[in-house]
């Protein structure tokens, strides 16, 4: 449940209220536009996705009836499969819920599914081809969460191991959660990475030879993590055996409610994708490297958080459109319009609008066009999303920014918004107290010998902001130097 893990203590009980209010609508299977999984008006988030051939199987957390006790409506694990060739779908259907009077009697959420050959884990003589690690508790306050496991041969019908396999180090906080998995021997050799909310929040590696009994290997390094987000929560971690990198999808912080009209958003506004070589995840011998950001600036969604990597059944990223890496992201859907007020934008991130979308990262294509748009009312300067209903036209390409700090380009250009229509670019990660949309990319603080860089200036006319290559702001204002970009 990552940062929305902390949110979980607040909203999971709200999920019950939403479900009850929805009545029979809770079984509405309509797929909202722009989503790859989800149900209209019901929260759906925290996905786990496996691709086998042309079929993608997705499990996630959402409000629904408990499949083993239809009188209970709360968190459940949902399932859907999609044939990418025919676009035929099965589901969504609830496949796992709480156990009455068990350690997981209140909430059951945050699934991660891995394939393998799990021999007799339940003592019934059966071998299973799937293991689902999930997060649950018996606390109505949503604290003291543990990680449990269930086994299946079809991804739909699950048998639970009776006790947690990972328990919190200390009680009284959220506990442990958000497991990430890799099968090392295609049998039952599992490497698990998970969050522990014992102060400070940290991430742990544990290994198992049978999928049930785990030994802790240590705490993951934080070297190289964005200093503006020093204790990030995450959605997932996955391995690319071809390159030897582990990838992790860390959540950015929550927006300050003072920037969203007093609305406390429950899903974070963005995700930073990092990688680290195998063997350095504990030692930090080579630090984490941030490779891209997925946020409101890029997607238009108010919330972008708790992403799960698309993997093969054993947890490898070498699947689908590899070397492109695909993330199944939790988003608030749809995007607020370009002229939404801070409060309207904040409300659009309400949990009732949480669905699942996708985002990709393509290695070796680090430059992003930094474009200026105008709709006769406002300018927007961005490397990302433009409201298609906003009447914007492209005025110019100001230059090109790197998607992550590299090649000496270390100055982040942040996309910000003041009020309902004033978009601007800032070097301040807090946008001077205005609402942050996200990161446009990275440029240079000063000219660099041998590079034909262009200077970029922030221009403010009082009613409108825009970025220009002209220090005189094209005769409309006096420019403030932001930095330098590639042409």
Protein backbone atom coordinates (compact mmCIF):
# COMPACT_ATOMS: atom_id res chain seq x y z
CA UNK A 1 0.00 0.00 0.00
CA UNK A 2 3.08 2.27 -0.05
CA UNK A 3 2.37 5.95 0.75
CA UNK A 4 -1.20 5.12 0.11
CA UNK A 5 -0.29 2.49 2.68
CA UNK A 6 -0.30 5.28 5.22
CA UNK A 7 -3.37 6.62 3.48
CA UNK A 8 -4.87 3.18 3.89
CA UNK A 9 -5.34 3.79 7.58
CA UNK A 10 -7.63 6.60 6.55
CA UNK A 11 -9.33 5.49 3.38
CA UNK A 12 -9.80 1.74 3.65
CA UNK A 13 -12.63 2.21 6.06
CA UNK A 14 -13.94 4.87 3.67
CA UNK A 15 -13.84 2.22 0.98
CA UNK A 16 -16.49 0.31 2.90
CA UNK A 17 -18.71 3.36 2.91
CA UNK A 18 -18.17 3.89 -0.80
CA UNK A 19 -19.01 0.30 -1.56
CA UNK A 20 -22.17 0.34 0.51
CA UNK A 21 -23.23 3.62 -1.08
CA UNK A 22 -22.66 2.07 -4.50
CA UNK A 23 -25.10 -0.73 -3.69
CA UNK A 24 -25.53 -3.07 -6.62
CA UNK A 25 -23.38 -0.65 -8.60
CA UNK A 26 -20.39 -2.20 -6.91
CA UNK A 27 -20.69 -4.99 -9.49
CA UNK A 28 -20.60 -2.55 -12.41
CA UNK A 29 -17.88 -3.88 -14.72
CA UNK A 30 -17.69 -0.83 -16.98
CA UNK A 31 -14.08 0.00 -17.85
CA UNK A 32 -13.60 3.77 -17.51
CA UNK A 33 -12.08 5.53 -20.57
CA UNK A 34 -8.30 5.78 -20.43
CA UNK A 35 -7.97 2.81 -18.07
CA UNK A 36 -6.62 -0.68 -18.68
CA UNK A 37 -8.28 -2.00 -15.52
CA UNK A 38 -10.80 -0.67 -13.06
CA UNK A 39 -14.49 -0.03 -12.49
CA UNK A 40 -16.34 3.25 -12.73
CA UNK A 41 -16.90 4.97 -9.38
CA UNK A 42 -15.03 2.35 -7.30
CA UNK A 43 -11.44 2.52 -6.12
CA UNK A 44 -9.01 0.23 -7.95
CA UNK A 45 -5.26 0.50 -7.43
CA UNK A 46 -1.95 -1.25 -6.58
CA UNK A 47 -1.69 -3.60 -9.59
CA UNK A 48 0.35 -6.73 -10.24
CA UNK A 49 0.69 -7.64 -13.94
CA UNK A 50 2.06 -10.75 -15.67
CA UNK A 51 2.31 -11.24 -19.43
CA UNK A 52 2.45 -14.74 -20.92
CA UNK A 53 2.46 -14.76 -24.70
CA UNK A 54 -0.23 -12.31 -25.77
CA UNK A 55 -2.22 -12.53 -22.52
CA UNK A 56 -1.84 -10.10 -19.62
CA UNK A 57 -3.16 -11.09 -16.20
CA UNK A 58 -3.74 -8.29 -13.69
CA UNK A 59 -4.50 -8.49 -9.98
CA UNK A 60 -5.16 -5.40 -7.89
CA UNK A 61 -6.79 -4.01 -4.77
CA UNK A 62 -10.34 -2.71 -4.96
CA UNK A 63 -13.58 -2.39 -3.08
CA UNK A 64 -15.94 -5.34 -3.52
CA UNK A 65 -17.68 -8.23 -1.80
CA UNK A 66 -15.41 -10.66 -0.02
CA UNK A 67 -15.59 -13.69 -2.40
CA UNK A 68 -15.68 -16.05 0.59
CA UNK A 69 -18.19 -13.97 2.59
CA UNK A 70 -20.59 -11.94 0.46
CA UNK A 71 -21.90 -10.10 3.53
CA UNK A 72 -18.55 -8.33 3.90
CA UNK A 73 -17.77 -5.38 1.61
CA UNK A 74 -14.28 -3.95 1.93
CA UNK A 75 -10.87 -4.39 0.33
CA UNK A 76 -10.60 -7.33 -2.02
CA UNK A 77 -8.16 -8.63 -4.61
CA UNK A 78 -9.57 -8.22 -8.11
CA UNK A 79 -8.54 -10.14 -11.25
CA UNK A 80 -8.76 -9.44 -14.96
CA UNK A 81 -7.12 -11.01 -18.01
CA UNK A 82 -6.72 -9.37 -21.42
CA UNK A 83 -5.81 -10.94 -24.75
CA UNK A 84 -3.70 -8.28 -26.45
CA UNK A 85 -4.35 -9.72 -29.91
CA UNK A 86 -8.14 -9.99 -29.77
CA UNK A 87 -8.70 -7.45 -26.94
CA UNK A 88 -11.04 -9.97 -25.30
CA UNK A 89 -11.29 -9.66 -21.53
CA UNK A 90 -12.25 -11.77 -18.58
CA UNK A 91 -13.28 -10.00 -15.41
CA UNK A 92 -12.85 -8.07 -13.28
CA UNK A 93 -13.90 -10.47 -10.56
CA UNK A 94 -12.96 -10.59 -6.86
CA UNK A 95 -10.68 -13.55 -6.14
CA UNK A 96 -9.42 -13.02 -2.57
CA UNK A 97 -10.72 -11.34 0.54
CA UNK A 98 -10.54 -11.35 4.32
CA UNK A 99 -10.61 -14.44 6.54
CA UNK A 100 -13.16 -14.24 9.33
CA UNK A 101 -11.41 -14.17 12.73
CA UNK A 102 -8.01 -14.54 11.01
CA UNK A 103 -4.91 -12.36 11.06
CA UNK A 104 -6.26 -10.90 7.78
CA UNK A 105 -9.85 -10.41 8.95
CA UNK A 106 -10.19 -6.68 8.21
CA UNK A 107 -8.30 -5.60 5.08
CA UNK A 108 -6.74 -7.60 2.24
CA UNK A 109 -4.87 -5.59 -0.35
CA UNK A 110 -1.69 -4.92 -2.38
CA UNK A 111 -1.22 -8.22 -4.23
CA UNK A 112 1.94 -9.31 -6.01
CA UNK A 113 1.75 -12.55 -7.97
CA UNK A 114 4.65 -14.76 -9.08
CA UNK A 115 4.75 -17.98 -11.05
CA UNK A 116 6.74 -21.10 -10.10
CA UNK A 117 6.38 -24.63 -8.86
CA UNK A 118 5.44 -24.53 -5.19
CA UNK A 119 5.47 -28.08 -3.84
CA UNK A 120 3.19 -28.86 -0.91
CA UNK A 121 3.32 -25.40 0.73
CA UNK A 122 -0.04 -26.01 2.44
CA UNK A 123 0.67 -29.56 3.61
CA UNK A 124 -2.04 -31.00 1.37
CA UNK A 125 0.31 -32.75 -1.07
CA UNK A 126 -0.51 -30.36 -3.91
CA UNK A 127 1.87 -28.37 -6.08
CA UNK A 128 0.85 -24.87 -7.17
CA UNK A 129 1.92 -22.73 -10.12
CA UNK A 130 1.12 -19.28 -8.66
CA UNK A 131 1.88 -17.59 -5.36
CA UNK A 132 0.18 -14.34 -4.37
CA UNK A 133 1.80 -12.28 -1.63
CA UNK A 134 -0.67 -9.83 -0.16
CA UNK A 135 -0.93 -7.31 2.67
CA UNK A 136 -3.52 -7.58 5.43
CA UNK A 137 -4.32 -6.92 9.08
CA UNK A 138 -6.94 -7.58 11.72
CA UNK A 139 -6.80 -3.97 12.93
CA UNK A 140 -9.74 -1.70 12.16
CA UNK A 141 -7.26 1.18 12.32
CA UNK A 142 -5.32 -0.34 9.41
CA UNK A 143 -2.09 -0.70 11.45
CA UNK A 144 0.18 -3.68 12.16
CA UNK A 145 -0.09 -4.98 8.60
CA UNK A 146 1.70 -8.22 7.69
CA UNK A 147 2.42 -10.00 4.41
CA UNK A 148 0.72 -13.30 3.73
CA UNK A 149 0.67 -15.72 0.81
CA UNK A 150 -1.94 -17.72 -1.09
CA UNK A 151 -1.44 -20.35 -3.79
CA UNK A 152 -3.31 -21.16 -7.00
CA UNK A 153 -3.12 -23.11 -10.25
CA UNK A 154 -5.28 -20.79 -12.33
CA UNK A 155 -4.87 -17.30 -10.82
CA UNK A 156 -8.53 -17.26 -9.84
CA UNK A 157 -8.99 -19.82 -7.07
CA UNK A 158 -6.63 -19.33 -4.14
CA UNK A 159 -5.73 -21.24 -0.98
CA UNK A 160 -4.22 -19.22 1.84
CA UNK A 161 -1.25 -20.15 3.97
CA UNK A 162 -2.72 -19.74 7.48
CA UNK A 163 -0.11 -17.38 8.98
CA UNK A 164 1.77 -14.29 7.78
CA UNK A 165 5.13 -14.94 6.14
CA UNK A 166 6.51 -11.46 6.96
CA UNK A 167 5.51 -9.61 10.14
CA UNK A 168 6.32 -6.06 11.31
CA UNK A 169 9.52 -5.35 13.22
CA UNK A 170 7.57 -3.11 15.60
CA UNK A 171 3.86 -2.63 16.29
CA UNK A 172 1.81 0.52 16.40
CA UNK A 173 2.59 1.82 12.90
CA UNK A 174 1.43 0.76 9.45
CA UNK A 175 3.56 -2.38 9.60
CA UNK A 176 4.99 -4.04 6.48
CA UNK A 177 3.70 -4.05 2.93
CA UNK A 178 4.08 -3.64 -0.80
CA UNK A 179 5.97 -6.88 -1.57
CA UNK A 180 7.99 -7.14 -4.80
CA UNK A 181 9.04 -10.53 -6.14
CA UNK A 182 11.51 -12.42 -8.29
CA UNK A 183 11.67 -16.21 -8.74
CA UNK A 184 15.34 -17.20 -8.88
CA UNK A 185 14.98 -20.89 -9.85
CA UNK A 186 11.53 -21.01 -11.48
CA UNK A 187 10.46 -23.25 -8.60
CA UNK A 188 10.00 -21.79 -5.12
CA UNK A 189 13.17 -19.72 -4.75
CA UNK A 190 11.78 -16.27 -4.04
CA UNK A 191 13.58 -12.97 -3.55
CA UNK A 192 11.16 -10.57 -1.90
CA UNK A 193 11.60 -6.85 -1.34
CA UNK A 194 9.13 -5.09 0.91
CA UNK A 195 8.52 -1.93 2.92
CA UNK A 196 8.75 -1.69 6.69
CA UNK A 197 7.22 1.37 8.28
CA UNK A 198 9.22 1.05 11.49
CA UNK A 199 10.94 4.42 11.82
CA UNK A 200 12.55 5.33 9.54
CA UNK A 201 10.62 3.83 6.63
CA UNK A 202 12.94 1.38 4.90
CA UNK A 203 12.96 -1.43 2.36
CA UNK A 204 14.08 -4.97 3.15
CA UNK A 205 15.31 -7.88 1.05
CA UNK A 206 14.35 -11.41 2.13
CA UNK A 207 14.83 -14.80 0.48
CA UNK A 208 13.01 -18.13 0.61
CA UNK A 209 13.55 -21.58 -0.87
CA UNK A 210 9.95 -22.73 -0.40
CA UNK A 211 7.91 -19.53 -0.87
CA UNK A 212 6.79 -19.57 2.76
CA UNK A 213 9.76 -19.27 5.12
CA UNK A 214 11.84 -16.11 4.60
CA UNK A 215 15.23 -14.95 5.86
CA UNK A 216 16.05 -11.25 5.92
CA UNK A 217 19.15 -10.27 3.96
CA UNK A 218 19.26 -6.61 4.99
CA UNK A 219 18.01 -3.12 4.24
CA UNK A 220 18.16 -1.58 0.79
CA UNK A 221 20.48 1.36 0.28
CA UNK A 222 19.13 4.88 -0.14
CA UNK A 223 22.26 6.19 -1.87
CA UNK A 224 21.34 8.16 -4.97
CA UNK A 225 17.70 8.74 -3.98
CA UNK A 226 16.34 12.24 -4.66
CA UNK A 227 17.25 14.40 -1.61
CA UNK A 228 13.86 16.13 -1.99
CA UNK A 229 12.25 12.73 -1.31
CA UNK A 230 14.67 11.10 1.16
CA UNK A 231 12.35 8.36 2.52
CA UNK A 232 10.19 7.41 -0.44
CA UNK A 233 7.63 4.68 -0.39
CA UNK A 234 7.24 2.52 -3.48
CA UNK A 235 4.92 0.48 -5.61
CA UNK A 236 7.22 -2.26 -6.89
CA UNK A 237 10.73 -3.50 -7.64
CA UNK A 238 11.67 -5.82 -10.52
CA UNK A 239 14.72 -7.40 -12.13
CA UNK A 240 16.05 -7.28 -15.67
CA UNK A 241 18.33 -10.34 -15.98
CA UNK A 242 19.55 -9.22 -19.41
CA UNK A 243 21.12 -5.97 -18.12
CA UNK A 244 21.56 -7.01 -14.48
CA UNK A 245 19.59 -4.01 -13.16
CA UNK A 246 16.95 -3.92 -10.47
CA UNK A 247 14.29 -1.29 -11.15
CA UNK A 248 12.15 0.36 -8.48
CA UNK A 249 9.11 2.63 -8.82
CA UNK A 250 9.28 5.05 -5.90
CA UNK A 251 6.40 7.38 -5.05
CA UNK A 252 6.96 11.12 -4.90
CA UNK A 253 5.64 12.97 -1.82
CA UNK A 254 2.04 14.06 -1.33
CA UNK A 255 1.05 17.52 -2.43
CA UNK A 256 0.67 20.02 0.38
CA UNK A 257 -3.08 20.66 0.91
CA UNK A 258 -2.33 24.39 0.92
CA UNK A 259 -1.67 24.03 -2.83
CA UNK A 260 -4.86 22.09 -3.58
CA UNK A 261 -7.49 24.35 -2.06
CA UNK A 262 -7.31 22.54 1.28
CA UNK A 263 -8.06 19.15 -0.29
CA UNK A 264 -5.84 16.42 1.19
CA UNK A 265 -4.96 14.23 -1.77
CA UNK A 266 -4.59 10.52 -0.95
CA UNK A 267 -2.55 9.40 -3.96
CA UNK A 268 0.85 10.93 -4.70
CA UNK A 269 1.26 13.08 -7.77
CA UNK A 270 4.09 11.09 -9.30
CA UNK A 271 6.51 8.19 -9.51
CA UNK A 272 10.28 8.24 -9.95
CA UNK A 273 11.74 5.23 -11.74
CA UNK A 274 15.19 4.18 -10.49
CA UNK A 275 17.60 1.38 -11.26
CA UNK A 276 20.58 -0.16 -9.49
CA UNK A 277 22.95 -3.01 -10.44
CA UNK A 278 22.36 -6.42 -8.89
CA UNK A 279 24.72 -6.73 -5.93
CA UNK A 280 24.49 -3.03 -5.02
CA UNK A 281 20.91 -2.98 -3.73
CA UNK A 282 22.11 -3.53 -0.14
CA UNK A 283 25.67 -2.20 -0.20
CA UNK A 284 25.12 0.91 -2.30
CA UNK A 285 28.49 0.28 -3.97
CA UNK A 286 26.80 1.73 -7.05
CA UNK A 287 24.02 4.12 -6.02
CA UNK A 288 20.49 4.26 -7.36
CA UNK A 289 20.16 6.04 -10.71
CA UNK A 290 16.95 7.89 -11.48
CA UNK A 291 15.95 7.27 -15.11
CA UNK A 292 12.57 8.99 -15.53
CA UNK A 293 9.56 10.53 -13.79
CA UNK A 294 5.88 9.76 -14.34
CA UNK A 295 3.71 12.52 -12.87
CA UNK A 296 0.84 14.94 -13.49
CA UNK A 297 3.04 16.98 -15.79
CA UNK A 298 3.52 13.91 -18.03
CA UNK A 299 0.10 12.22 -17.82
CA UNK A 300 -2.40 14.89 -16.79
CA UNK A 301 -3.73 12.62 -14.01
CA UNK A 302 -3.85 14.31 -10.63
CA UNK A 303 -2.53 11.16 -8.92
CA UNK A 304 0.10 8.76 -10.28
CA UNK A 305 1.27 6.28 -7.65
CA UNK A 306 1.86 2.66 -6.55
CA UNK A 307 2.93 1.30 -9.92
CA UNK A 308 3.53 -2.38 -10.68
CA UNK A 309 5.95 -3.55 -13.36
CA UNK A 310 4.75 -5.70 -16.23
CA UNK A 311 6.78 -8.94 -15.90
CA UNK A 312 6.88 -12.49 -17.09
CA UNK A 313 5.54 -15.15 -14.73
CA UNK A 314 8.87 -15.42 -12.89
CA UNK A 315 9.28 -11.69 -12.34
CA UNK A 316 11.60 -10.77 -15.23
CA UNK A 317 11.17 -7.45 -17.04
CA UNK A 318 12.24 -9.09 -20.30
CA UNK A 319 8.68 -9.33 -21.61
CA UNK A 320 6.23 -7.57 -23.92
CA UNK A 321 7.82 -4.64 -25.74
CA UNK A 322 11.17 -5.05 -23.94
CA UNK A 323 13.61 -3.24 -23.78
CA UNK A 324 10.78 -0.78 -23.20
CA UNK A 325 9.73 -1.13 -19.58
CA UNK A 326 5.99 -0.98 -18.91
CA UNK A 327 4.43 0.07 -15.63
CA UNK A 328 0.83 -0.46 -14.62
CA UNK A 329 0.14 2.71 -12.65
CA UNK A 330 -2.54 3.65 -10.14
CA UNK A 331 -4.08 6.92 -11.35
CA UNK A 332 -7.00 9.21 -10.60
CA UNK A 333 -9.13 9.16 -13.73
CA UNK A 334 -10.03 11.29 -15.69
CA UNK A 335 -7.58 14.18 -15.91
CA UNK A 336 -8.90 17.48 -14.57
CA UNK A 337 -9.42 20.12 -17.29
CA UNK A 338 -6.69 22.66 -17.96
CA UNK A 339 -8.60 25.44 -16.14
CA UNK A 340 -9.55 23.45 -13.04
CA UNK A 341 -9.09 25.28 -9.76
CA UNK A 342 -6.65 23.81 -7.21
CA UNK A 343 -9.56 22.40 -5.19
CA UNK A 344 -11.31 20.91 -8.24
CA UNK A 345 -8.04 19.28 -9.28
CA UNK A 346 -7.58 17.96 -5.75
CA UNK A 347 -11.07 16.50 -5.64
CA UNK A 348 -10.42 14.76 -8.97
CA UNK A 349 -7.89 12.63 -7.09
CA UNK A 350 -10.57 11.23 -4.78
CA UNK A 351 -10.29 7.47 -4.25
CA UNK A 352 -13.59 6.84 -6.04
CA UNK A 353 -11.79 7.82 -9.25
CA UNK A 354 -8.79 5.53 -8.83
CA UNK A 355 -8.20 3.29 -11.82
CA UNK A 356 -5.24 1.56 -13.43
CA UNK A 357 -3.40 2.92 -16.45
CA UNK A 358 -0.02 2.24 -18.06
CA UNK A 359 3.18 4.18 -18.62
CA UNK A 360 6.41 3.23 -20.36
CA UNK A 361 10.09 4.05 -20.27
CA UNK A 362 12.24 3.57 -23.37
CA UNK A 363 15.98 3.21 -22.65
CA UNK A 364 18.33 5.23 -24.82
CA UNK A 365 15.90 8.07 -25.62
CA UNK A 366 16.69 10.54 -22.83
CA UNK A 367 15.75 13.86 -24.49
CA UNK A 368 12.29 15.41 -24.29
CA UNK A 369 11.00 18.29 -26.39
CA UNK A 370 10.19 21.31 -24.21
CA UNK A 371 7.23 22.91 -25.98
CA UNK A 372 5.32 26.16 -25.56
CA UNK A 373 1.56 26.13 -26.11
CA UNK A 374 -1.04 28.92 -26.11
CA UNK A 375 -4.86 28.95 -26.22
CA UNK A 376 -5.45 32.72 -26.39
CA UNK A 377 -5.85 32.81 -22.61
CA UNK A 378 -2.83 31.10 -21.12
CA UNK A 379 0.54 29.68 -22.05
CA UNK A 380 1.67 26.24 -20.96
CA UNK A 381 5.32 25.19 -21.27
CA UNK A 382 5.75 21.46 -20.87
CA UNK A 383 7.39 18.25 -22.02
CA UNK A 384 4.20 16.38 -21.20
CA UNK A 385 0.42 16.35 -21.33
CA UNK A 386 -1.76 19.08 -22.82
CA UNK A 387 -5.52 19.03 -22.29
CA UNK A 388 -6.91 18.11 -25.73
CA UNK A 389 -10.07 20.04 -24.89
CA UNK A 390 -8.21 23.18 -23.88
CA UNK A 391 -7.81 24.73 -27.33
CA UNK A 392 -4.01 24.85 -27.09
CA UNK A 393 -1.80 25.21 -30.16
CA UNK A 394 1.93 24.60 -30.30
CA UNK A 395 3.79 27.93 -30.54
CA UNK A 396 7.39 26.70 -30.50
CA UNK A 397 9.83 24.10 -29.26
CA UNK A 398 11.97 25.95 -26.73
CA UNK A 399 14.66 23.28 -26.54
CA UNK A 400 15.24 19.75 -25.27
CA UNK A 401 15.63 18.60 -21.66
CA UNK A 402 16.96 15.32 -20.28
CA UNK A 403 14.39 13.10 -18.58
CA UNK A 404 16.80 12.46 -15.68
CA UNK A 405 20.00 14.05 -14.34
CA UNK A 406 22.77 13.11 -16.80
CA UNK A 407 25.48 14.49 -19.09
CA UNK A 408 26.01 17.37 -16.64
CA UNK A 409 22.37 18.46 -16.87
CA UNK A 410 21.29 18.47 -13.22
CA UNK A 411 18.92 21.45 -12.94
CA UNK A 412 15.27 20.32 -12.73
CA UNK A 413 12.67 22.46 -14.50
CA UNK A 414 9.42 22.02 -12.54
CA UNK A 415 5.97 22.51 -14.00
CA UNK A 416 3.73 24.49 -11.65
CA UNK A 417 0.28 26.05 -11.63
CA UNK A 418 -1.09 29.05 -9.73
CA UNK A 419 -4.84 29.41 -9.46
CA UNK A 420 -6.96 28.01 -12.26
CA UNK A 421 -5.12 29.08 -15.42
CA UNK A 422 -1.63 30.37 -14.64
CA UNK A 423 0.94 27.74 -15.61
CA UNK A 424 4.60 28.50 -14.96
CA UNK A 425 8.03 26.89 -14.80
CA UNK A 426 10.19 27.10 -11.68
CA UNK A 427 13.44 25.74 -10.29
CA UNK A 428 11.79 25.45 -6.87
CA UNK A 429 10.55 21.89 -6.06
CA UNK A 430 7.81 23.54 -3.97
CA UNK A 431 6.76 25.86 -6.80
CA UNK A 432 6.88 28.82 -4.43
CA UNK A 433 3.81 27.51 -2.61
CA UNK A 434 1.76 26.85 -5.76
CA UNK A 435 0.57 23.47 -6.99
CA UNK A 436 3.27 21.27 -8.48
CA UNK A 437 2.49 19.36 -11.65
CA UNK A 438 5.84 17.61 -11.88
CA UNK A 439 9.21 17.61 -13.59
CA UNK A 440 9.63 18.73 -17.19
CA UNK A 441 13.21 17.54 -17.29
CA UNK A 442 16.77 18.54 -16.53
CA UNK A 443 18.90 21.29 -18.02
CA UNK A 444 22.14 23.13 -17.30
CA UNK A 445 22.84 25.92 -14.83
CA UNK A 446 25.33 27.66 -17.12
CA UNK A 447 26.78 27.44 -20.62
CA UNK A 448 28.99 24.42 -21.34
CA UNK A 449 31.95 24.54 -23.70
CA UNK A 450 31.33 22.48 -26.79
CA UNK A 451 27.55 22.43 -26.38
CA UNK A 452 25.31 24.73 -28.37
CA UNK A 453 22.91 25.45 -25.51
CA UNK A 454 19.98 27.86 -25.50
CA UNK A 455 19.18 30.08 -22.53
CA UNK A 456 15.60 29.88 -21.23
CA UNK A 457 13.85 32.67 -19.31
CA UNK A 458 10.71 32.75 -17.23
CA UNK A 459 8.48 35.62 -18.31
CA UNK A 460 5.65 37.00 -16.18
CA UNK A 461 3.20 39.55 -17.58
CA UNK A 462 1.10 39.67 -14.40
CA UNK A 463 -1.78 37.73 -15.93
CA UNK A 464 0.25 35.08 -17.69
CA UNK A 465 3.56 33.20 -17.48
CA UNK A 466 5.57 31.75 -20.32
CA UNK A 467 9.09 30.64 -21.14
CA UNK A 468 11.13 32.29 -23.85
CA UNK A 469 14.61 32.18 -25.35
CA UNK A 470 14.50 36.01 -25.33
CA UNK A 471 15.70 37.72 -22.12
CA UNK A 472 13.35 40.60 -23.03
CA UNK A 473 10.41 38.20 -23.14
CA UNK A 474 9.50 39.22 -26.69
CA UNK A 475 8.80 42.78 -25.51
CA UNK A 476 6.22 41.74 -22.92
CA UNK A 477 8.26 41.57 -19.70
CA UNK A 478 11.76 41.23 -18.26
CA UNK A 479 12.94 37.63 -18.18
CA UNK A 480 14.34 35.67 -15.24
CA UNK A 481 16.99 33.13 -16.27
CA UNK A 482 15.94 29.57 -15.57
CA UNK A 483 18.86 27.73 -17.12
CA UNK A 484 20.03 26.22 -20.37
CA UNK A 485 18.71 23.48 -22.61
CA UNK A 486 19.88 21.67 -25.68
CA UNK A 487 18.44 23.20 -28.85
